[in-house]
Protein backbone atom coordinates (compact mmCIF):
# COMPACT_ATOMS: atom_id res chain seq x y z
CA MET A 1 -41.03 -62.83 -24.66
CA LYS A 2 -37.42 -61.43 -24.11
CA LYS A 3 -37.29 -58.74 -21.78
CA LYS A 4 -35.69 -55.44 -23.44
CA LYS A 5 -32.37 -54.70 -21.86
CA GLY A 6 -32.40 -50.51 -20.41
CA GLY A 7 -30.51 -48.34 -22.21
CA GLY A 8 -29.65 -46.52 -18.94
CA GLY A 9 -27.36 -48.74 -17.21
CA ALA A 10 -24.25 -47.20 -17.55
CA ASN A 11 -25.56 -43.48 -16.15
CA TRP A 12 -23.62 -43.88 -13.06
CA MET A 13 -20.76 -43.67 -15.05
CA ASP A 14 -21.28 -40.01 -16.11
CA THR A 15 -22.21 -39.03 -12.65
CA TYR A 16 -18.77 -40.69 -11.55
CA GLY A 17 -17.07 -39.10 -14.20
CA ASP A 18 -18.09 -35.67 -13.13
CA MET A 19 -17.19 -36.24 -9.71
CA VAL A 20 -13.73 -37.30 -10.30
CA THR A 21 -13.09 -33.94 -12.64
CA LEU A 22 -14.83 -31.69 -9.47
CA LEU A 23 -12.21 -33.64 -7.29
CA LEU A 24 -9.12 -33.15 -9.70
CA CYS A 25 -9.83 -29.48 -9.88
CA PHE A 26 -10.33 -28.85 -6.08
CA PHE A 27 -7.22 -30.52 -5.81
CA VAL A 28 -5.65 -28.64 -8.52
CA LEU A 29 -6.88 -24.91 -7.01
CA LEU A 30 -5.70 -25.90 -3.57
CA TYR A 31 -1.85 -26.90 -5.07
CA SER A 32 -1.68 -23.44 -6.99
CA MET A 33 -3.22 -21.52 -4.02
CA SER A 34 -0.14 -23.38 -1.64
CA THR A 35 2.50 -21.92 -4.44
CA ILE A 36 1.64 -18.63 -5.20
CA SER A 37 4.55 -16.33 -5.19
CA GLU A 38 5.43 -14.23 -2.63
CA GLU A 39 5.63 -10.95 -4.84
CA LYS A 40 1.95 -11.86 -6.17
CA TRP A 41 0.94 -12.43 -2.73
CA ARG A 42 2.52 -8.94 -1.07
CA ALA A 43 1.05 -7.25 -4.39
CA ILE A 44 -2.64 -8.55 -3.03
CA VAL A 45 -1.92 -7.28 0.80
CA THR A 46 -0.36 -3.73 -0.83
CA SER A 47 -3.47 -3.08 -2.31
CA PHE A 48 -5.65 -3.71 0.63
CA ASN A 49 -2.96 -1.75 3.07
CA PRO A 50 -0.74 0.70 0.88
CA ARG A 51 1.31 1.24 4.12
CA ALA A 52 2.41 -2.18 4.38
CA SER A 53 6.55 -2.40 4.06
CA GLN A 54 8.54 -5.20 2.91
CA THR A 55 10.09 -6.15 6.08
CA PRO A 56 11.73 -9.84 6.97
CA THR A 57 10.09 -11.64 8.97
CA ALA A 58 11.73 -11.59 12.86
CA THR A 59 13.16 -14.61 14.06
CA PRO A 60 11.51 -16.58 16.69
CA GLY A 61 12.63 -16.18 19.88
CA THR A 62 14.40 -13.06 19.48
CA ASP A 63 12.44 -11.06 18.28
CA GLY A 64 8.43 -10.11 17.29
CA PRO A 65 5.63 -8.50 19.48
CA ASN A 66 6.38 -10.87 22.44
CA ALA A 67 9.58 -10.19 22.92
CA ASP A 68 10.68 -8.66 26.12
CA LEU A 69 13.54 -5.75 26.47
CA GLU A 70 16.01 -7.87 27.95
CA SER A 71 15.56 -10.38 24.60
CA GLN A 72 16.71 -7.17 22.82
CA GLY A 73 19.47 -5.95 24.48
CA GLY A 74 17.90 -4.00 27.18
CA ASP A 75 17.34 -1.03 25.05
CA PRO A 76 13.33 0.39 25.44
CA SER A 77 13.86 1.69 22.25
CA ALA A 78 14.39 -1.26 20.25
CA VAL A 79 10.90 -1.73 18.96
CA PRO A 80 10.07 -5.05 17.37
CA THR A 81 9.17 -4.86 13.52
CA PRO A 82 6.58 -7.96 12.22
CA ASP A 83 6.03 -9.06 9.09
CA PRO A 84 3.77 -7.07 7.09
CA LEU A 85 1.71 -9.36 6.17
CA GLU A 86 1.29 -10.81 9.23
CA GLU A 87 0.82 -7.42 11.21
CA THR A 88 -2.11 -7.43 13.62
CA GLN A 89 -3.87 -4.29 15.62
CA GLU A 90 -1.71 -6.32 18.63
CA ASP A 91 1.19 -5.23 17.00
CA ILE A 92 0.45 -1.97 16.44
CA ASP A 93 -0.67 -1.23 20.04
CA LEU A 94 2.35 -2.94 21.33
CA ALA A 95 4.90 -0.66 19.37
CA ILE A 96 3.09 2.58 20.49
CA GLU A 97 2.96 1.43 23.94
CA GLN A 98 7.00 0.34 23.67
CA LEU A 99 7.61 3.32 21.89
CA TYR A 100 5.90 5.90 25.13
CA GLN A 101 7.84 3.53 27.57
CA ALA A 102 10.99 4.31 25.48
CA ILE A 103 10.59 7.82 25.28
CA LYS A 104 9.72 7.89 29.26
CA HIS A 105 12.47 5.89 29.87
CA TYR A 106 14.93 8.03 28.23
CA ALA A 107 13.75 11.52 30.07
CA GLU A 108 13.67 9.82 33.50
CA GLU A 109 17.29 8.31 32.90
CA GLU A 110 18.77 11.62 31.61
CA GLY A 111 17.29 13.68 34.38
CA LEU A 112 14.69 15.35 31.62
CA SER A 113 11.19 14.45 33.47
CA ASN A 114 11.03 18.27 34.67
CA SER A 115 11.23 19.38 30.74
CA ILE A 116 9.74 16.67 29.32
CA SER A 117 6.34 15.22 29.62
CA VAL A 118 5.18 11.97 28.55
CA THR A 119 1.73 10.70 28.17
CA THR A 120 -0.55 8.01 26.38
CA ASP A 121 -3.94 7.77 25.76
CA ASN A 122 -6.09 5.51 23.07
CA GLY A 123 -3.37 4.81 20.70
CA LYS A 124 -1.79 8.07 21.25
CA VAL A 125 1.41 9.54 22.93
CA TYR A 126 1.72 12.89 24.18
CA VAL A 127 5.06 14.27 24.17
CA THR A 128 5.38 17.91 25.68
CA PHE A 129 8.59 19.80 25.40
CA SER A 130 9.07 22.92 27.73
CA GLU A 131 10.53 25.96 25.84
CA THR A 132 13.83 25.92 27.20
CA THR A 133 14.44 22.14 25.88
CA PHE A 134 15.07 23.44 22.66
CA PHE A 135 14.84 27.33 22.31
CA ASN A 136 16.35 30.67 24.15
CA PRO A 137 13.12 33.19 24.44
CA ASP A 138 11.54 34.66 21.81
CA LYS A 139 13.74 32.64 19.16
CA SER A 140 12.81 29.82 16.96
CA TYR A 141 16.32 27.74 16.29
CA ILE A 142 16.70 24.91 18.07
CA LEU A 143 19.69 25.05 20.77
CA PRO A 144 22.78 22.87 19.64
CA ALA A 145 22.34 21.51 23.22
CA SER A 146 19.07 19.87 22.56
CA TYR A 147 19.99 17.58 19.56
CA PRO A 148 20.82 14.60 21.31
CA ILE A 149 17.22 14.59 22.93
CA LEU A 150 15.85 14.84 19.08
CA ASP A 151 18.27 12.24 18.06
CA LYS A 152 16.93 10.20 20.66
CA VAL A 153 13.37 10.84 19.34
CA GLY A 154 14.05 10.13 16.01
CA GLU A 155 15.56 6.76 16.67
CA VAL A 156 12.68 5.81 18.80
CA LEU A 157 10.28 7.19 16.42
CA SER A 158 12.30 5.22 13.48
CA GLY A 159 12.12 1.62 15.49
CA ALA A 160 8.43 2.10 15.62
CA ALA A 161 7.80 3.39 12.44
CA PHE A 162 5.62 0.62 10.89
CA ALA A 163 3.34 1.70 13.64
CA ILE A 164 2.86 5.18 13.35
CA ASP A 165 0.47 6.61 11.59
CA ASP A 166 1.15 10.41 12.22
CA VAL A 167 3.34 12.42 14.08
CA ARG A 168 2.20 16.09 14.84
CA VAL A 169 4.69 18.43 16.20
CA GLN A 170 2.57 21.71 17.50
CA GLY A 171 3.82 25.01 18.60
CA HIS A 172 2.43 26.79 21.02
CA THR A 173 3.49 30.41 22.55
CA ALA A 174 2.21 32.66 25.93
CA GLN A 175 0.47 35.17 26.51
CA ALA A 176 2.99 38.08 26.99
CA THR A 177 0.20 40.29 28.77
CA ALA A 178 -2.35 38.41 30.41
CA ASN A 179 -5.35 40.90 29.51
CA ALA A 180 -3.77 41.32 25.65
CA PRO A 181 -3.11 39.10 22.98
CA ASN A 182 -0.13 38.90 21.37
CA PRO A 183 0.69 40.64 17.88
CA ILE A 184 -1.32 37.85 15.40
CA PRO A 185 1.94 37.90 12.80
CA GLY A 186 5.04 37.37 15.39
CA ASP A 187 3.11 34.97 17.90
CA ARG A 188 1.73 32.69 14.97
CA ARG A 189 5.42 32.85 13.07
CA LEU A 190 6.93 31.95 16.26
CA ALA A 191 4.63 28.67 16.75
CA SER A 192 4.73 27.78 13.12
CA GLU A 193 8.90 28.27 12.67
CA ARG A 194 8.99 26.28 16.14
CA ALA A 195 7.31 23.32 15.49
CA THR A 196 8.70 23.30 11.62
CA ASN A 197 12.49 23.35 12.78
CA VAL A 198 11.60 20.09 14.99
CA VAL A 199 10.17 18.65 12.10
CA ILE A 200 13.22 19.54 9.65
CA TYR A 201 15.50 18.30 12.19
CA ILE A 202 13.73 14.88 12.77
CA GLN A 203 13.38 14.59 8.95
CA GLU A 204 16.99 15.17 8.01
CA HIS A 205 18.22 12.62 10.31
CA THR A 206 15.96 10.01 10.07
CA ASP A 207 16.33 7.38 7.29
CA ARG A 208 13.27 8.75 4.75
CA GLU A 209 12.77 4.58 3.88
CA ILE A 210 11.98 3.87 7.29
CA LEU A 211 9.93 6.57 8.68
CA ASP A 212 7.71 8.13 6.21
CA PRO A 213 8.19 12.02 5.79
CA ALA A 214 4.40 12.23 4.83
CA LYS A 215 4.10 10.94 8.32
CA LEU A 216 5.67 14.14 9.98
CA ILE A 217 3.29 17.36 10.26
CA SER A 218 4.41 20.79 11.48
CA GLU A 219 1.31 23.08 13.01
CA GLY A 220 1.95 26.47 14.36
CA LEU A 221 -0.98 27.12 17.02
CA GLY A 222 0.00 30.31 18.76
CA GLN A 223 -1.32 31.17 22.18
CA TRP A 224 -4.75 29.94 21.43
CA HIS A 225 -4.59 26.40 23.22
CA PRO A 226 -3.20 27.01 26.65
CA ILE A 227 -2.67 24.77 29.29
CA ALA A 228 -2.03 27.63 32.35
CA SER A 229 -2.97 31.07 32.91
CA ASN A 230 -0.98 34.03 31.57
CA ALA A 231 -1.19 35.63 34.81
CA THR A 232 2.27 34.51 36.56
CA ALA A 233 5.76 33.75 34.82
CA GLU A 234 5.55 30.36 36.05
CA GLU A 235 2.16 29.82 34.51
CA ARG A 236 3.42 31.59 31.04
CA ALA A 237 6.44 28.86 31.16
CA LYS A 238 3.54 25.98 31.03
CA ASN A 239 1.95 27.42 27.90
CA ARG A 240 6.01 28.21 25.86
CA ARG A 241 5.92 24.52 25.05
CA VAL A 242 6.60 22.50 22.03
CA GLU A 243 3.91 19.28 21.52
CA MET A 244 4.40 16.09 19.43
CA ILE A 245 1.41 13.51 18.84
CA VAL A 246 2.35 10.42 17.82
CA SER A 247 -0.58 8.46 16.34
CA GLY A 248 -0.76 4.60 16.43
CA ARG A 249 -2.34 2.89 12.82
CA ASN A 250 -5.65 1.54 12.93
CA LEU A 251 -5.91 -1.34 10.49
CA GLU A 252 -9.78 -1.60 10.62
CA GLU A 253 -9.89 2.12 9.53
CA GLU A 254 -7.29 1.52 6.52
CA LEU A 255 -8.64 -1.69 5.30
CA GLY A 256 -12.01 0.01 4.92
CA ASP A 257 -10.63 2.90 3.60
CA SER A 258 -9.02 1.08 1.12
CA ILE A 259 -12.21 -1.00 0.29
CA GLN A 260 -14.16 2.03 -0.19
CA HIS A 261 -11.39 3.40 -2.34
CA TYR A 262 -11.36 0.26 -4.77
CA GLU A 263 -15.18 0.30 -4.78
CA THR A 264 -14.94 3.88 -5.73
CA ILE A 265 -12.65 3.32 -8.72
CA THR A 266 -14.22 -0.08 -9.74
CA THR A 267 -17.82 1.95 -10.48
CA GLN A 268 -15.89 4.83 -12.59
């Protein structure tokens, strides 16, 4: 009796064909990912980071987060701007540190250390200007002699614009009489107008395509945040000031906000 031939002898061909098909699909997928258009890729990144600006990639060796001040012509205000698709928190932290160093260097070089104080802490730069730097007593218009200072500050802010979350300019006054508060309307108005005029000058003298005006905030705090008592003329002079607080961006927080926003709109 002859043995019957089995009907499943060619089943291995089916498995082999499936494997080859899957490999083909895999390599087609890899190829499609390698040729994604720059425009589409930027759109994806921008959806998660709306603040990303389309900035050309720095030339290796002459710019970038590891370049020193000498390689940038010795100008401390020349803060390198990384490609927004490749920027890291280290890039931002470095830019904020260089912003701090640039303003501090300028104040020392111009002999303004007594009227401009610069400190940094936890990703923020605090710049304090004495009243006499910008204003006459009890006046809110900016003295023309102070224009070069604001021009330099605006230049430094523009150079680090990609790393800045916001710039808060706060106006402070002193209590004229140690035991009696200032009249509320005049106190608040003077503080607010001084802060506003500083913001107006910076906004008018910087490129809005570089330094987003939405990042500039003015606040009039009046006499209520003193750094000294009001017992003597010297102490009152310390309280009459304009403070600028520059906050650096936090990519982790921005990504969290973007994901939360995406989840919100997709569930509506």
